[in-house]
Amino acid sequence: MNGEGKVVCVTGGSGYIASWLVKILLQRGYVVKTTVRDPGDPKKTDHLLALDGAKERLHLFKANLLEEGSFDAAVDGCEGVFHTASPVLFAATDPQLWYVLSKTLAEEAAWKFAKENSIDLVTINPGFVSGPPLQPTLNGTVEMILNLVNGAQTYPDANYRSVDVRDVAYAHIRAFEIPSANGRYCLVTNALHYSEVLKIIHQQYPTLPLPAKCVTHSLNNLPVQKYMVSMEKAKTLGISFIPLEVTLRDTIESLKEKGFLSI
């Protein structure tokens, strides 16, 4: 209970990573102020209000990143802010590229602002985030797993560089709690080809209709490069990272429980 009585804010609280952040922060005794665009939407808030400790220590605030000043009340009086919300207006044929761009530009702006205002900033940069969702709706990376196990005919000729959503949330919290934490932390615990990921799923769920054909989507047909991202700095946060086998199983079981997958 390292956060006993401390007040923190989580932006975009209904999101995939943010929901786990709120859950673990409450478990650790924090008072959590979190922002959502529509506090009256049960799909955005019911799963948060049902968390242990939410009745006593969770406070919802309406806020929109595109409205200047709307976050003032939520961050007022907080010892730390976990900023996970990201505005993306999809206006291209590949929304994923715009999402990546928005995150990159947001981080650049954050570092500039932190330097100019002497703010203690730490950033967490994960690969594909997977694991069981708390929210009732699907996000892109979990939907990708669902598509693979729900009748897809092909899988990409690419590497799946991933990390468990629970580890991502915990890394945020440890980076806040450890005074020496600084700079950027890259989180990629697995770098397996999709064919290897499918083998793991098949071992756990041998009756699932998994795709057998590999399709190349690489730009200019360049060969797929297998590389790993260094986790040496991330390990200083003291996290025992969840194995991919556990992440995949928990994701699929969650998809079954939420009615997205019937097997």
Protein backbone atom coordinates (compact mmCIF):
# COMPACT_ATOMS: atom_id res chain seq x y z
CA MET A 1 0.00 0.00 0.00
CA ASN A 2 2.75 2.48 -1.00
CA GLY A 3 0.23 5.10 -2.07
CA GLU A 4 -1.74 5.35 1.16
CA GLY A 5 -3.58 8.67 1.05
CA LYS A 6 -1.61 10.15 -1.88
CA VAL A 7 -3.70 11.89 -4.53
CA VAL A 8 -2.90 11.23 -8.20
CA CYS A 9 -4.61 11.81 -11.53
CA VAL A 10 -5.02 9.39 -14.45
CA THR A 11 -6.08 11.00 -17.73
CA GLY A 12 -8.26 9.06 -20.16
CA GLY A 13 -9.28 6.74 -17.34
CA SER A 14 -11.65 4.59 -19.40
CA GLY A 15 -8.88 3.46 -21.74
CA TYR A 16 -7.16 0.08 -21.90
CA ILE A 17 -3.93 0.92 -20.06
CA ALA A 18 -5.52 3.64 -17.91
CA SER A 19 -8.19 1.29 -16.54
CA TRP A 20 -5.49 -1.04 -15.25
CA LEU A 21 -3.60 1.95 -13.88
CA VAL A 22 -6.68 3.03 -11.92
CA LYS A 23 -7.25 -0.53 -10.66
CA ILE A 24 -3.67 -1.01 -9.39
CA LEU A 25 -3.45 2.50 -7.93
CA LEU A 26 -6.61 1.85 -5.92
CA GLN A 27 -5.18 -1.49 -4.78
CA ARG A 28 -2.08 0.36 -3.54
CA GLY A 29 -4.11 2.83 -1.50
CA TYR A 30 -4.01 5.91 -3.72
CA VAL A 31 -6.82 8.44 -4.04
CA VAL A 32 -7.40 8.55 -7.80
CA LYS A 33 -8.85 11.43 -9.79
CA THR A 34 -9.48 10.28 -13.35
CA THR A 35 -10.79 12.02 -16.45
CA VAL A 36 -13.27 10.73 -19.01
CA ARG A 37 -14.87 12.55 -21.90
CA ASP A 38 -18.39 11.50 -20.87
CA PRO A 39 -18.88 10.52 -17.20
CA GLY A 40 -22.50 9.67 -18.02
CA ASP A 41 -21.58 6.87 -20.44
CA PRO A 42 -21.76 3.54 -18.55
CA LYS A 43 -19.48 1.88 -21.12
CA LYS A 44 -16.78 4.32 -20.07
CA THR A 45 -17.30 4.34 -16.32
CA ASP A 46 -19.12 1.25 -14.96
CA HIS A 47 -16.00 -0.94 -14.99
CA LEU A 48 -14.09 1.78 -13.10
CA LEU A 49 -16.81 2.36 -10.50
CA ALA A 50 -16.92 -1.41 -9.84
CA LEU A 51 -13.23 -1.59 -8.84
CA ASP A 52 -12.26 -2.33 -5.25
CA GLY A 53 -11.79 0.97 -3.44
CA ALA A 54 -13.55 3.02 -6.12
CA LYS A 55 -16.45 4.01 -3.87
CA GLU A 56 -14.10 5.54 -1.31
CA ARG A 57 -11.15 6.80 -3.37
CA LEU A 58 -12.07 7.22 -7.06
CA HIS A 59 -13.28 10.56 -8.40
CA LEU A 60 -14.42 11.05 -12.01
CA PHE A 61 -13.92 14.32 -13.88
CA LYS A 62 -15.21 15.32 -17.29
CA ALA A 63 -12.37 16.50 -19.53
CA ASN A 64 -11.41 16.63 -23.19
CA LEU A 65 -7.85 17.07 -24.44
CA LEU A 66 -9.08 19.36 -27.19
CA GLU A 67 -10.60 21.79 -24.65
CA GLU A 68 -8.01 24.01 -22.99
CA GLY A 69 -8.31 24.14 -19.20
CA SER A 70 -10.68 21.19 -18.88
CA PHE A 71 -8.09 19.18 -16.91
CA ASP A 72 -7.36 21.87 -14.30
CA ALA A 73 -9.78 20.56 -11.67
CA ALA A 74 -8.63 16.97 -12.10
CA VAL A 75 -4.92 17.68 -11.63
CA ASP A 76 -5.34 20.29 -8.90
CA GLY A 77 -3.82 19.05 -5.64
CA CYS A 78 -2.28 15.90 -7.16
CA GLU A 79 1.20 14.64 -6.32
CA GLY A 80 1.50 12.97 -9.71
CA VAL A 81 -0.26 12.73 -13.06
CA PHE A 82 -0.36 9.61 -15.24
CA HIS A 83 -1.09 10.94 -18.72
CA THR A 84 -2.37 8.19 -21.01
CA ALA A 85 -4.99 10.05 -23.07
CA SER A 86 -4.07 10.87 -26.67
CA PRO A 87 -6.19 12.79 -29.20
CA VAL A 88 -6.23 11.26 -32.69
CA LEU A 89 -8.40 12.49 -35.54
CA PHE A 90 -8.21 9.65 -38.08
CA ALA A 91 -8.01 11.18 -41.54
CA ALA A 92 -5.85 8.72 -43.42
CA THR A 93 -5.99 5.23 -44.86
CA ASP A 94 -3.84 3.85 -42.01
CA PRO A 95 -5.14 5.01 -38.60
CA GLN A 96 -2.33 3.13 -36.82
CA LEU A 97 0.28 5.43 -38.38
CA TRP A 98 -1.61 8.50 -37.17
CA TYR A 99 -1.85 7.01 -33.68
CA VAL A 100 1.91 6.44 -33.59
CA LEU A 101 2.51 9.97 -34.87
CA SER A 102 0.22 11.47 -32.21
CA LYS A 103 2.10 9.64 -29.46
CA THR A 104 5.49 10.72 -30.82
CA LEU A 105 4.51 14.38 -31.13
CA ALA A 106 2.86 14.33 -27.69
CA GLU A 107 6.02 12.98 -26.08
CA GLU A 108 8.20 15.56 -27.82
CA ALA A 109 5.91 18.33 -26.60
CA ALA A 110 5.88 16.87 -23.07
CA TRP A 111 9.67 16.81 -22.81
CA LYS A 112 9.88 20.39 -24.06
CA PHE A 113 7.22 21.56 -21.59
CA ALA A 114 8.81 19.65 -18.69
CA LYS A 115 12.20 21.21 -19.37
CA GLU A 116 10.80 24.73 -19.62
CA ASN A 117 8.78 24.35 -16.40
CA SER A 118 11.18 22.20 -14.31
CA ILE A 119 8.71 19.30 -14.14
CA ASP A 120 9.86 15.80 -13.16
CA LEU A 121 8.79 13.73 -16.19
CA VAL A 122 9.18 10.02 -16.93
CA THR A 123 7.82 8.34 -20.07
CA ILE A 124 6.82 4.71 -20.59
CA ASN A 125 7.05 3.47 -24.20
CA PRO A 126 5.54 -0.01 -24.72
CA GLY A 127 5.35 -2.18 -27.81
CA PHE A 128 2.06 -3.89 -28.71
CA VAL A 129 0.11 -3.97 -25.45
CA SER A 130 -1.92 -7.12 -24.85
CA GLY A 131 -3.60 -8.81 -21.94
CA PRO A 132 -7.13 -8.91 -20.50
CA PRO A 133 -9.12 -5.69 -20.96
CA LEU A 134 -11.10 -4.25 -18.06
CA GLN A 135 -13.26 -2.03 -20.26
CA PRO A 136 -16.24 -3.58 -22.12
CA THR A 137 -15.10 -2.35 -25.54
CA LEU A 138 -12.22 -3.61 -27.67
CA ASN A 139 -9.06 -1.63 -28.32
CA GLY A 140 -6.87 -2.18 -31.38
CA THR A 141 -4.21 -4.50 -29.96
CA VAL A 142 -6.70 -6.83 -28.23
CA GLU A 143 -8.88 -6.82 -31.34
CA MET A 144 -5.81 -7.98 -33.26
CA ILE A 145 -5.62 -11.07 -31.03
CA LEU A 146 -9.35 -11.65 -31.41
CA ASN A 147 -9.07 -11.56 -35.21
CA LEU A 148 -6.25 -14.10 -35.13
CA VAL A 149 -8.28 -16.64 -33.13
CA ASN A 150 -11.72 -15.94 -34.57
CA GLY A 151 -11.56 -17.29 -38.10
CA ALA A 152 -8.86 -15.23 -39.82
CA GLN A 153 -7.48 -16.90 -42.94
CA THR A 154 -4.04 -15.29 -42.85
CA TYR A 155 -1.51 -13.87 -40.42
CA PRO A 156 1.11 -11.18 -41.10
CA ASP A 157 4.74 -11.86 -41.94
CA ALA A 158 5.85 -9.72 -39.04
CA ASN A 159 7.17 -9.86 -35.52
CA TYR A 160 4.91 -9.39 -32.51
CA ARG A 161 6.81 -7.14 -30.11
CA SER A 162 4.59 -7.03 -27.07
CA VAL A 163 4.19 -6.43 -23.35
CA ASP A 164 1.38 -7.23 -20.92
CA VAL A 165 -1.00 -4.36 -20.11
CA ARG A 166 -0.67 -5.12 -16.40
CA ASP A 167 3.11 -4.71 -16.62
CA VAL A 168 2.68 -1.42 -18.47
CA ALA A 169 0.38 -0.09 -15.75
CA TYR A 170 2.69 -1.27 -12.98
CA ALA A 171 5.70 0.27 -14.74
CA HIS A 172 3.95 3.65 -14.71
CA ILE A 173 3.35 3.36 -10.98
CA ARG A 174 6.86 2.16 -10.15
CA ALA A 175 8.32 5.02 -12.21
CA PHE A 176 6.30 7.39 -10.01
CA GLU A 177 7.18 5.69 -6.73
CA ILE A 178 10.93 5.27 -7.31
CA PRO A 179 12.69 8.63 -6.78
CA SER A 180 15.60 7.71 -9.06
CA ALA A 181 13.39 6.83 -12.04
CA ASN A 182 14.13 9.13 -14.96
CA GLY A 183 13.94 9.53 -18.72
CA ARG A 184 12.37 7.01 -21.08
CA TYR A 185 11.54 3.37 -20.35
CA CYS A 186 10.96 1.05 -23.33
CA LEU A 187 8.82 -2.01 -22.59
CA VAL A 188 9.00 -4.94 -25.03
CA THR A 189 9.15 -8.31 -23.30
CA ASN A 190 8.57 -10.49 -26.39
CA ALA A 191 9.70 -10.33 -30.00
CA LEU A 192 8.25 -13.40 -31.70
CA HIS A 193 7.10 -13.91 -35.27
CA TYR A 194 3.33 -14.23 -35.55
CA SER A 195 3.77 -17.89 -36.51
CA GLU A 196 5.42 -18.51 -33.12
CA VAL A 197 2.61 -16.65 -31.35
CA LEU A 198 0.07 -18.86 -33.11
CA LYS A 199 1.96 -21.97 -31.98
CA ILE A 200 1.63 -20.86 -28.38
CA ILE A 201 -2.09 -20.25 -28.82
CA HIS A 202 -2.53 -23.64 -30.52
CA GLN A 203 -0.84 -25.40 -27.60
CA GLN A 204 -3.29 -23.77 -25.20
CA TYR A 205 -6.40 -23.95 -27.41
CA PRO A 206 -5.93 -26.78 -29.95
CA THR A 207 -9.50 -26.51 -31.28
CA LEU A 208 -9.35 -22.82 -32.22
CA PRO A 209 -9.46 -22.17 -36.01
CA LEU A 210 -6.11 -20.43 -36.43
CA PRO A 211 -4.86 -19.02 -39.75
CA ALA A 212 -2.35 -21.13 -41.66
CA LYS A 213 -1.28 -18.74 -44.42
CA CYS A 214 1.36 -16.05 -43.91
CA VAL A 215 0.95 -12.82 -45.88
CA THR A 216 3.65 -10.19 -46.41
CA HIS A 217 2.64 -6.61 -45.78
CA SER A 218 6.13 -5.16 -45.37
CA LEU A 219 6.90 -1.94 -47.22
CA ASN A 220 8.73 -2.58 -50.50
CA ASN A 221 8.76 -6.30 -49.62
CA LEU A 222 11.72 -5.78 -47.31
CA PRO A 223 12.67 -8.84 -45.21
CA VAL A 224 11.23 -8.94 -41.71
CA GLN A 225 13.92 -8.03 -39.21
CA LYS A 226 13.91 -9.78 -35.85
CA TYR A 227 15.33 -7.62 -33.09
CA MET A 228 14.76 -7.15 -29.39
CA VAL A 229 14.44 -3.91 -27.46
CA SER A 230 16.75 -3.65 -24.44
CA MET A 231 14.94 -4.17 -21.13
CA GLU A 232 17.92 -3.36 -18.90
CA LYS A 233 16.57 0.03 -17.84
CA ALA A 234 13.02 -1.31 -17.44
CA LYS A 235 14.26 -4.01 -15.07
CA THR A 236 15.39 -1.30 -12.63
CA LEU A 237 11.68 -0.69 -11.92
CA GLY A 238 11.63 -4.05 -10.14
CA ILE A 239 8.94 -5.71 -12.20
CA SER A 240 8.61 -9.46 -12.76
CA PHE A 241 7.28 -9.35 -16.30
CA ILE A 242 4.39 -11.63 -17.23
CA PRO A 243 5.25 -14.41 -19.75
CA LEU A 244 3.59 -14.22 -23.17
CA GLU A 245 1.92 -17.60 -22.61
CA VAL A 246 0.07 -16.16 -19.61
CA THR A 247 -0.79 -12.92 -21.42
CA LEU A 248 -2.29 -14.76 -24.41
CA ARG A 249 -4.28 -17.15 -22.22
CA ASP A 250 -5.64 -14.36 -20.03
CA THR A 251 -6.53 -12.29 -23.10
CA ILE A 252 -8.45 -15.13 -24.75
CA GLU A 253 -10.22 -16.05 -21.51
CA SER A 254 -11.26 -12.40 -21.08
CA LEU A 255 -12.57 -12.28 -24.65
CA LYS A 256 -14.65 -15.38 -23.88
CA GLU A 257 -16.02 -13.90 -20.65
CA LYS A 258 -17.00 -10.66 -22.39
CA GLY A 259 -18.80 -12.50 -25.19
CA PHE A 260 -16.43 -11.57 -28.03
CA LEU A 261 -15.33 -15.16 -28.56
CA SER A 262 -17.28 -18.41 -28.30
CA ILE A 263 -15.12 -21.55 -28.20
